[in-house]
Amino acid sequence: RVSREDGDLTIVVDSDLTPGSTPTDFQPKLTAFAEQYNFPQGIGFKVGGENAANAELIQATFVALAIAIFLTFLILVYQFNSLKQSTMILYSIITAMLGVNIWLFITGNPYSMPFMIWFISLIGIVVNNAIFIIDKINTNLAAWLPLKLAILNAGSTRFKPVLISSLTTILGIITLARKDEFWAGLARTVVFWLLFSSFMTLLSIPHLYYNKYKKKGEE
């Protein structure tokens, strides 16, 4: 396409990729080639396309993620009145990120804007799972249960609520997988992330709690 943009004559070249290829495989190579190419006088090169157009949106998404985590931490500190327990709960977000990266690496899928939006919106589920466990441990300790018994009881009694909260979301997301391949890939990623993060939360949160409070429990 040939058009005028900001007073300049602009030539835009579009291309279609072969099936199985992704733009992220070729765009960096094309950009590197164009930057080193000796263009005639009066002709310049500017990176465009969907990635460039969404650069500000991607940046805003990461800022929103940081703000969401920060606000979540403030709410947790207010609720539990404990920096230790609030940090433990935020650790569940780290395990969620780990699960996401494992799945994306296995499937070879790149990060995408829809996925980032889903990730931010579903952080609450992962955090709630950790809150279920820690709140039950605190309740058990308030009832004078020994530390180990309080943790074991919290893990066993909160297993079903954690599982149900994750499964209800998963069943709703699976319907997206039946739309088209784009939504199917996104839905499978979110499903794996929820299952992985829920499982890791059930294991890591009791372990962290015990290590933080075992000396106090022995006393």
C-alpha atoms as a PDB file:
ATOM      1  CA  ARG A   1       0.000   0.000   0.000  1.00  0.00           C
ATOM      2  CA  VAL A   2       1.188   3.514  -0.807  1.00  0.00           C
ATOM      3  CA  SER A   3      -0.210   6.353   1.274  1.00  0.00           C
ATOM      4  CA  ARG A   4       0.687   9.629   2.916  1.00  0.00           C
ATOM      5  CA  GLU A   5       1.252   9.718   6.664  1.00  0.00           C
ATOM      6  CA  ASP A   6       2.364  12.820   8.585  1.00  0.00           C
ATOM      7  CA  GLY A   7       3.407  14.488   5.344  1.00  0.00           C
ATOM      8  CA  ASP A   8       5.567  11.559   4.213  1.00  0.00           C
ATOM      9  CA  LEU A   9       4.946   9.128   1.392  1.00  0.00           C
ATOM     10  CA  THR A  10       4.620   5.750   3.070  1.00  0.00           C
ATOM     11  CA  ILE A  11       4.975   2.319   1.473  1.00  0.00           C
ATOM     12  CA  VAL A  12       3.485  -0.518   3.543  1.00  0.00           C
ATOM     13  CA  VAL A  13       4.258  -4.155   2.757  1.00  0.00           C
ATOM     14  CA  ASP A  14       2.122  -6.936   4.274  1.00  0.00           C
ATOM     15  CA  SER A  15       2.892 -10.635   4.231  1.00  0.00           C
ATOM     16  CA  ASP A  16       1.251 -13.935   5.120  1.00  0.00           C
ATOM     17  CA  LEU A  17       3.129 -16.570   7.080  1.00  0.00           C
ATOM     18  CA  THR A  18       3.094 -20.243   6.252  1.00  0.00           C
ATOM     19  CA  PRO A  19       1.024 -22.421   8.629  1.00  0.00           C
ATOM     20  CA  GLY A  20       2.867 -23.179  11.833  1.00  0.00           C
ATOM     21  CA  SER A  21       4.952 -20.002  11.750  1.00  0.00           C
ATOM     22  CA  THR A  22       4.618 -17.045  14.082  1.00  0.00           C
ATOM     23  CA  PRO A  23       5.465 -13.376  13.475  1.00  0.00           C
ATOM     24  CA  THR A  24       7.873 -13.401  16.414  1.00  0.00           C
ATOM     25  CA  ASP A  25      10.078 -15.853  14.487  1.00  0.00           C
ATOM     26  CA  PHE A  26      10.568 -13.566  11.496  1.00  0.00           C
ATOM     27  CA  GLN A  27       9.976  -9.969  12.497  1.00  0.00           C
ATOM     28  CA  PRO A  28      13.298  -9.571  14.398  1.00  0.00           C
ATOM     29  CA  LYS A  29      15.193 -10.938  11.380  1.00  0.00           C
ATOM     30  CA  LEU A  30      13.359  -8.618   9.006  1.00  0.00           C
ATOM     31  CA  THR A  31      13.996  -5.641  11.266  1.00  0.00           C
ATOM     32  CA  ALA A  32      17.714  -6.461  11.570  1.00  0.00           C
ATOM     33  CA  PHE A  33      17.996  -6.781   7.782  1.00  0.00           C
ATOM     34  CA  ALA A  34      16.203  -3.475   7.144  1.00  0.00           C
ATOM     35  CA  GLU A  35      18.286  -1.592   9.715  1.00  0.00           C
ATOM     36  CA  GLN A  36      21.516  -2.679   7.985  1.00  0.00           C
ATOM     37  CA  TYR A  37      20.227  -2.170   4.442  1.00  0.00           C
ATOM     38  CA  ASN A  38      21.586   0.800   2.500  1.00  0.00           C
ATOM     39  CA  PHE A  39      18.409   2.568   1.392  1.00  0.00           C
ATOM     40  CA  PRO A  40      18.530   5.216  -1.357  1.00  0.00           C
ATOM     41  CA  GLN A  41      18.673   8.838  -0.278  1.00  0.00           C
ATOM     42  CA  GLY A  42      15.348  10.160   0.992  1.00  0.00           C
ATOM     43  CA  ILE A  43      14.038   6.718   1.926  1.00  0.00           C
ATOM     44  CA  GLY A  44      13.945   5.545   5.532  1.00  0.00           C
ATOM     45  CA  PHE A  45      12.781   2.539   7.502  1.00  0.00           C
ATOM     46  CA  LYS A  46      10.388   2.434  10.449  1.00  0.00           C
ATOM     47  CA  VAL A  47       9.224  -0.613  12.393  1.00  0.00           C
ATOM     48  CA  GLY A  48       5.448  -1.003  12.338  1.00  0.00           C
ATOM     49  CA  GLY A  49       2.925  -3.770  12.467  1.00  0.00           C
ATOM     50  CA  GLU A  50       0.761  -5.075  15.270  1.00  0.00           C
ATOM     51  CA  ASN A  51       3.591  -5.398  17.784  1.00  0.00           C
ATOM     52  CA  ALA A  52       4.665  -1.787  17.359  1.00  0.00           C
ATOM     53  CA  ALA A  53       1.084  -0.557  17.490  1.00  0.00           C
ATOM     54  CA  ASN A  54       0.468  -2.450  20.730  1.00  0.00           C
ATOM     55  CA  ALA A  55       3.750  -1.467  22.396  1.00  0.00           C
ATOM     56  CA  GLU A  56       2.103   1.137  24.622  1.00  0.00           C
ATOM     57  CA  LEU A  57      -0.747  -1.235  25.448  1.00  0.00           C
ATOM     58  CA  ILE A  58       1.699  -3.967  26.439  1.00  0.00           C
ATOM     59  CA  GLN A  59       3.573  -1.532  28.656  1.00  0.00           C
ATOM     60  CA  ALA A  60       0.319  -0.408  30.275  1.00  0.00           C
ATOM     61  CA  THR A  61      -0.589  -4.057  30.916  1.00  0.00           C
ATOM     62  CA  PHE A  62       2.647  -4.712  32.811  1.00  0.00           C
ATOM     63  CA  VAL A  63       2.078  -1.542  34.831  1.00  0.00           C
ATOM     64  CA  ALA A  64      -1.450  -2.757  35.628  1.00  0.00           C
ATOM     65  CA  LEU A  65      -0.015  -6.112  36.752  1.00  0.00           C
ATOM     66  CA  ALA A  66       2.433  -4.400  39.113  1.00  0.00           C
ATOM     67  CA  ILE A  67      -0.318  -2.170  40.518  1.00  0.00           C
ATOM     68  CA  ALA A  68      -2.632  -5.159  41.007  1.00  0.00           C
ATOM     69  CA  ILE A  69       0.031  -7.070  42.943  1.00  0.00           C
ATOM     70  CA  PHE A  70       0.859  -4.013  45.072  1.00  0.00           C
ATOM     71  CA  LEU A  71      -2.770  -3.290  45.941  1.00  0.00           C
ATOM     72  CA  THR A  72      -3.339  -6.969  46.691  1.00  0.00           C
ATOM     73  CA  PHE A  73      -0.411  -6.894  49.107  1.00  0.00           C
ATOM     74  CA  LEU A  74      -1.772  -3.817  50.906  1.00  0.00           C
ATOM     75  CA  ILE A  75      -5.181  -5.458  51.320  1.00  0.00           C
ATOM     76  CA  LEU A  76      -3.582  -8.627  52.659  1.00  0.00           C
ATOM     77  CA  VAL A  77      -1.496  -6.699  55.196  1.00  0.00           C
ATOM     78  CA  TYR A  78      -4.644  -4.939  56.375  1.00  0.00           C
ATOM     79  CA  GLN A  79      -6.582  -8.206  56.606  1.00  0.00           C
ATOM     80  CA  PHE A  80      -3.966 -10.376  58.329  1.00  0.00           C
ATOM     81  CA  ASN A  81      -1.964  -7.623  60.062  1.00  0.00           C
ATOM     82  CA  SER A  82       1.166  -9.578  59.186  1.00  0.00           C
ATOM     83  CA  LEU A  83       3.866  -8.940  56.601  1.00  0.00           C
ATOM     84  CA  LYS A  84       5.000 -12.575  56.786  1.00  0.00           C
ATOM     85  CA  GLN A  85       1.609 -14.061  55.987  1.00  0.00           C
ATOM     86  CA  SER A  86       0.905 -11.473  53.287  1.00  0.00           C
ATOM     87  CA  THR A  87       4.222 -12.326  51.619  1.00  0.00           C
ATOM     88  CA  MET A  88       3.377 -16.034  51.774  1.00  0.00           C
ATOM     89  CA  ILE A  89       0.116 -15.387  49.944  1.00  0.00           C
ATOM     90  CA  LEU A  90       1.876 -13.356  47.256  1.00  0.00           C
ATOM     91  CA  TYR A  91       4.227 -16.307  46.777  1.00  0.00           C
ATOM     92  CA  SER A  92       1.284 -18.117  45.191  1.00  0.00           C
ATOM     93  CA  ILE A  93       1.414 -15.553  42.358  1.00  0.00           C
ATOM     94  CA  ILE A  94       5.060 -16.492  41.768  1.00  0.00           C
ATOM     95  CA  THR A  95       4.140 -20.171  41.474  1.00  0.00           C
ATOM     96  CA  ALA A  96       1.378 -19.184  39.050  1.00  0.00           C
ATOM     97  CA  MET A  97       3.901 -17.333  36.876  1.00  0.00           C
ATOM     98  CA  LEU A  98       6.130 -20.402  36.994  1.00  0.00           C
ATOM     99  CA  GLY A  99       3.318 -22.616  35.756  1.00  0.00           C
ATOM    100  CA  VAL A 100       2.504 -20.211  32.942  1.00  0.00           C
ATOM    101  CA  ASN A 101       6.087 -20.084  31.697  1.00  0.00           C
ATOM    102  CA  ILE A 102       6.408 -23.870  31.841  1.00  0.00           C
ATOM    103  CA  TRP A 103       3.318 -24.321  29.673  1.00  0.00           C
ATOM    104  CA  LEU A 104       4.295 -21.610  27.187  1.00  0.00           C
ATOM    105  CA  PHE A 105       7.747 -23.175  26.882  1.00  0.00           C
ATOM    106  CA  ILE A 106       6.336 -26.664  26.318  1.00  0.00           C
ATOM    107  CA  THR A 107       3.825 -25.520  23.702  1.00  0.00           C
ATOM    108  CA  GLY A 108       6.104 -22.913  22.104  1.00  0.00           C
ATOM    109  CA  ASN A 109       3.443 -20.196  22.367  1.00  0.00           C
ATOM    110  CA  PRO A 110       4.469 -16.542  22.801  1.00  0.00           C
ATOM    111  CA  TYR A 111       3.011 -14.094  25.280  1.00  0.00           C
ATOM    112  CA  SER A 112      -0.057 -12.250  24.019  1.00  0.00           C
ATOM    113  CA  MET A 113      -2.226  -9.354  25.114  1.00  0.00           C
ATOM    114  CA  PRO A 114      -5.359 -11.472  25.730  1.00  0.00           C
ATOM    115  CA  PHE A 115      -3.344 -13.811  27.910  1.00  0.00           C
ATOM    116  CA  MET A 116      -1.890 -10.952  29.981  1.00  0.00           C
ATOM    117  CA  ILE A 117      -5.392  -9.604  30.562  1.00  0.00           C
ATOM    118  CA  TRP A 118      -6.580 -13.062  31.641  1.00  0.00           C
ATOM    119  CA  PHE A 119      -3.584 -13.429  33.944  1.00  0.00           C
ATOM    120  CA  ILE A 120      -4.286 -10.167  35.752  1.00  0.00           C
ATOM    121  CA  SER A 121      -7.988 -10.924  36.120  1.00  0.00           C
ATOM    122  CA  LEU A 122      -7.393 -14.434  37.492  1.00  0.00           C
ATOM    123  CA  ILE A 123      -4.769 -13.448  40.057  1.00  0.00           C
ATOM    124  CA  GLY A 124      -7.617 -13.130  42.546  1.00  0.00           C
ATOM    125  CA  ILE A 125      -8.389 -16.847  42.300  1.00  0.00           C
ATOM    126  CA  VAL A 126      -4.811 -17.836  43.070  1.00  0.00           C
ATOM    127  CA  VAL A 127      -4.632 -15.399  45.979  1.00  0.00           C
ATOM    128  CA  ASN A 128      -7.968 -16.595  47.365  1.00  0.00           C
ATOM    129  CA  ASN A 129      -6.703 -20.172  47.445  1.00  0.00           C
ATOM    130  CA  ALA A 130      -3.768 -19.118  49.610  1.00  0.00           C
ATOM    131  CA  ILE A 131      -6.047 -17.018  51.827  1.00  0.00           C
ATOM    132  CA  PHE A 132      -8.308 -20.054  52.408  1.00  0.00           C
ATOM    133  CA  ILE A 133      -5.380 -22.054  53.769  1.00  0.00           C
ATOM    134  CA  ILE A 134      -3.694 -19.403  55.901  1.00  0.00           C
ATOM    135  CA  ASP A 135      -6.968 -18.208  57.392  1.00  0.00           C
ATOM    136  CA  LYS A 136      -7.809 -21.784  58.431  1.00  0.00           C
ATOM    137  CA  ILE A 137      -4.354 -22.266  59.959  1.00  0.00           C
ATOM    138  CA  ASN A 138      -4.785 -19.086  61.984  1.00  0.00           C
ATOM    139  CA  THR A 139      -8.231 -20.230  63.119  1.00  0.00           C
ATOM    140  CA  ASN A 140      -6.824 -23.599  64.202  1.00  0.00           C
ATOM    141  CA  LEU A 141      -3.983 -21.966  66.120  1.00  0.00           C
ATOM    142  CA  ALA A 142      -6.469 -19.660  67.851  1.00  0.00           C
ATOM    143  CA  ALA A 143      -8.233 -22.844  69.003  1.00  0.00           C
ATOM    144  CA  TRP A 144      -4.918 -23.982  70.571  1.00  0.00           C
ATOM    145  CA  LEU A 145      -4.171 -26.740  68.080  1.00  0.00           C
ATOM    146  CA  PRO A 146      -0.464 -27.636  67.760  1.00  0.00           C
ATOM    147  CA  LEU A 147       1.243 -26.038  64.762  1.00  0.00           C
ATOM    148  CA  LYS A 148       1.673 -29.229  62.713  1.00  0.00           C
ATOM    149  CA  LEU A 149      -1.875 -30.380  63.386  1.00  0.00           C
ATOM    150  CA  ALA A 150      -3.225 -26.913  62.582  1.00  0.00           C
ATOM    151  CA  ILE A 151      -1.419 -26.939  59.216  1.00  0.00           C
ATOM    152  CA  LEU A 152      -2.428 -30.502  58.323  1.00  0.00           C
ATOM    153  CA  ASN A 153      -6.048 -29.829  59.218  1.00  0.00           C
ATOM    154  CA  ALA A 154      -6.072 -26.624  57.147  1.00  0.00           C
ATOM    155  CA  GLY A 155      -4.667 -28.436  54.129  1.00  0.00           C
ATOM    156  CA  SER A 156      -7.198 -31.253  54.317  1.00  0.00           C
ATOM    157  CA  THR A 157     -10.264 -29.105  55.004  1.00  0.00           C
ATOM    158  CA  ARG A 158      -9.404 -26.440  52.440  1.00  0.00           C
ATOM    159  CA  PHE A 159      -8.518 -28.904  49.678  1.00  0.00           C
ATOM    160  CA  LYS A 160     -12.097 -29.160  48.445  1.00  0.00           C
ATOM    161  CA  PRO A 161     -12.828 -25.373  48.380  1.00  0.00           C
ATOM    162  CA  VAL A 162      -9.570 -24.712  46.530  1.00  0.00           C
ATOM    163  CA  LEU A 163     -10.332 -27.471  44.037  1.00  0.00           C
ATOM    164  CA  ILE A 164     -13.915 -26.335  43.463  1.00  0.00           C
ATOM    165  CA  SER A 165     -12.982 -22.665  42.999  1.00  0.00           C
ATOM    166  CA  SER A 166     -10.465 -23.664  40.342  1.00  0.00           C
ATOM    167  CA  LEU A 167     -12.692 -26.212  38.595  1.00  0.00           C
ATOM    168  CA  THR A 168     -15.633 -23.822  38.260  1.00  0.00           C
ATOM    169  CA  THR A 169     -13.385 -21.343  36.463  1.00  0.00           C
ATOM    170  CA  ILE A 170     -11.822 -24.086  34.332  1.00  0.00           C
ATOM    171  CA  LEU A 171     -15.211 -25.409  33.212  1.00  0.00           C
ATOM    172  CA  GLY A 172     -16.213 -21.915  32.151  1.00  0.00           C
ATOM    173  CA  ILE A 173     -12.973 -21.385  30.221  1.00  0.00           C
ATOM    174  CA  ILE A 174     -13.201 -24.724  28.400  1.00  0.00           C
ATOM    175  CA  THR A 175     -16.152 -23.377  26.425  1.00  0.00           C
ATOM    176  CA  LEU A 176     -13.740 -20.906  24.804  1.00  0.00           C
ATOM    177  CA  ALA A 177     -11.629 -23.767  23.507  1.00  0.00           C
ATOM    178  CA  ARG A 178     -14.484 -24.810  21.217  1.00  0.00           C
ATOM    179  CA  LYS A 179     -14.591 -21.451  19.392  1.00  0.00           C
ATOM    180  CA  ASP A 180     -11.396 -21.399  17.344  1.00  0.00           C
ATOM    181  CA  GLU A 181      -7.720 -22.291  17.595  1.00  0.00           C
ATOM    182  CA  PHE A 182      -6.700 -18.905  19.002  1.00  0.00           C
ATOM    183  CA  TRP A 183      -9.073 -19.159  21.947  1.00  0.00           C
ATOM    184  CA  ALA A 184      -8.303 -22.859  22.337  1.00  0.00           C
ATOM    185  CA  GLY A 185      -4.603 -22.170  22.884  1.00  0.00           C
ATOM    186  CA  LEU A 186      -5.384 -19.407  25.351  1.00  0.00           C
ATOM    187  CA  ALA A 187      -7.926 -21.551  27.202  1.00  0.00           C
ATOM    188  CA  ARG A 188      -5.525 -24.504  27.504  1.00  0.00           C
ATOM    189  CA  THR A 189      -2.847 -22.188  28.905  1.00  0.00           C
ATOM    190  CA  VAL A 190      -5.189 -20.750  31.534  1.00  0.00           C
ATOM    191  CA  VAL A 191      -6.470 -24.232  32.496  1.00  0.00           C
ATOM    192  CA  PHE A 192      -2.940 -25.545  33.008  1.00  0.00           C
ATOM    193  CA  TRP A 193      -2.033 -22.421  34.956  1.00  0.00           C
ATOM    194  CA  LEU A 194      -4.990 -22.788  37.329  1.00  0.00           C
ATOM    195  CA  LEU A 195      -4.349 -26.475  37.942  1.00  0.00           C
ATOM    196  CA  PHE A 196      -0.614 -25.973  38.480  1.00  0.00           C
ATOM    197  CA  SER A 197      -0.984 -22.933  40.735  1.00  0.00           C
ATOM    198  CA  SER A 198      -3.726 -24.583  42.828  1.00  0.00           C
ATOM    199  CA  PHE A 199      -1.621 -27.693  43.345  1.00  0.00           C
ATOM    200  CA  MET A 200       1.487 -25.659  44.192  1.00  0.00           C
ATOM    201  CA  THR A 201      -0.477 -23.461  46.584  1.00  0.00           C
ATOM    202  CA  LEU A 202      -1.693 -26.509  48.514  1.00  0.00           C
ATOM    203  CA  LEU A 203       1.927 -27.646  48.862  1.00  0.00           C
ATOM    204  CA  SER A 204       3.948 -24.449  49.200  1.00  0.00           C
ATOM    205  CA  ILE A 205       1.784 -22.323  51.511  1.00  0.00           C
ATOM    206  CA  PRO A 206       1.661 -24.876  54.399  1.00  0.00           C
ATOM    207  CA  HIS A 207       5.382 -25.492  53.935  1.00  0.00           C
ATOM    208  CA  LEU A 208       6.215 -21.773  54.099  1.00  0.00           C
ATOM    209  CA  TYR A 209       3.952 -21.276  57.109  1.00  0.00           C
ATOM    210  CA  TYR A 210       5.588 -24.104  59.022  1.00  0.00           C
ATOM    211  CA  ASN A 211       9.122 -22.870  58.308  1.00  0.00           C
ATOM    212  CA  LYS A 212       8.224 -19.321  59.406  1.00  0.00           C
ATOM    213  CA  TYR A 213       6.492 -20.293  62.639  1.00  0.00           C
ATOM    214  CA  LYS A 214       7.990 -23.623  63.685  1.00  0.00           C
ATOM    215  CA  LYS A 215      10.237 -22.052  66.351  1.00  0.00           C
ATOM    216  CA  LYS A 216       7.300 -20.144  67.796  1.00  0.00           C
ATOM    217  CA  GLY A 217       5.226 -23.327  67.654  1.00  0.00           C
ATOM    218  CA  GLU A 218       7.895 -25.277  69.552  1.00  0.00           C
ATOM    219  CA  GLU A 219       8.022 -22.567  72.196  1.00  0.00           C
END
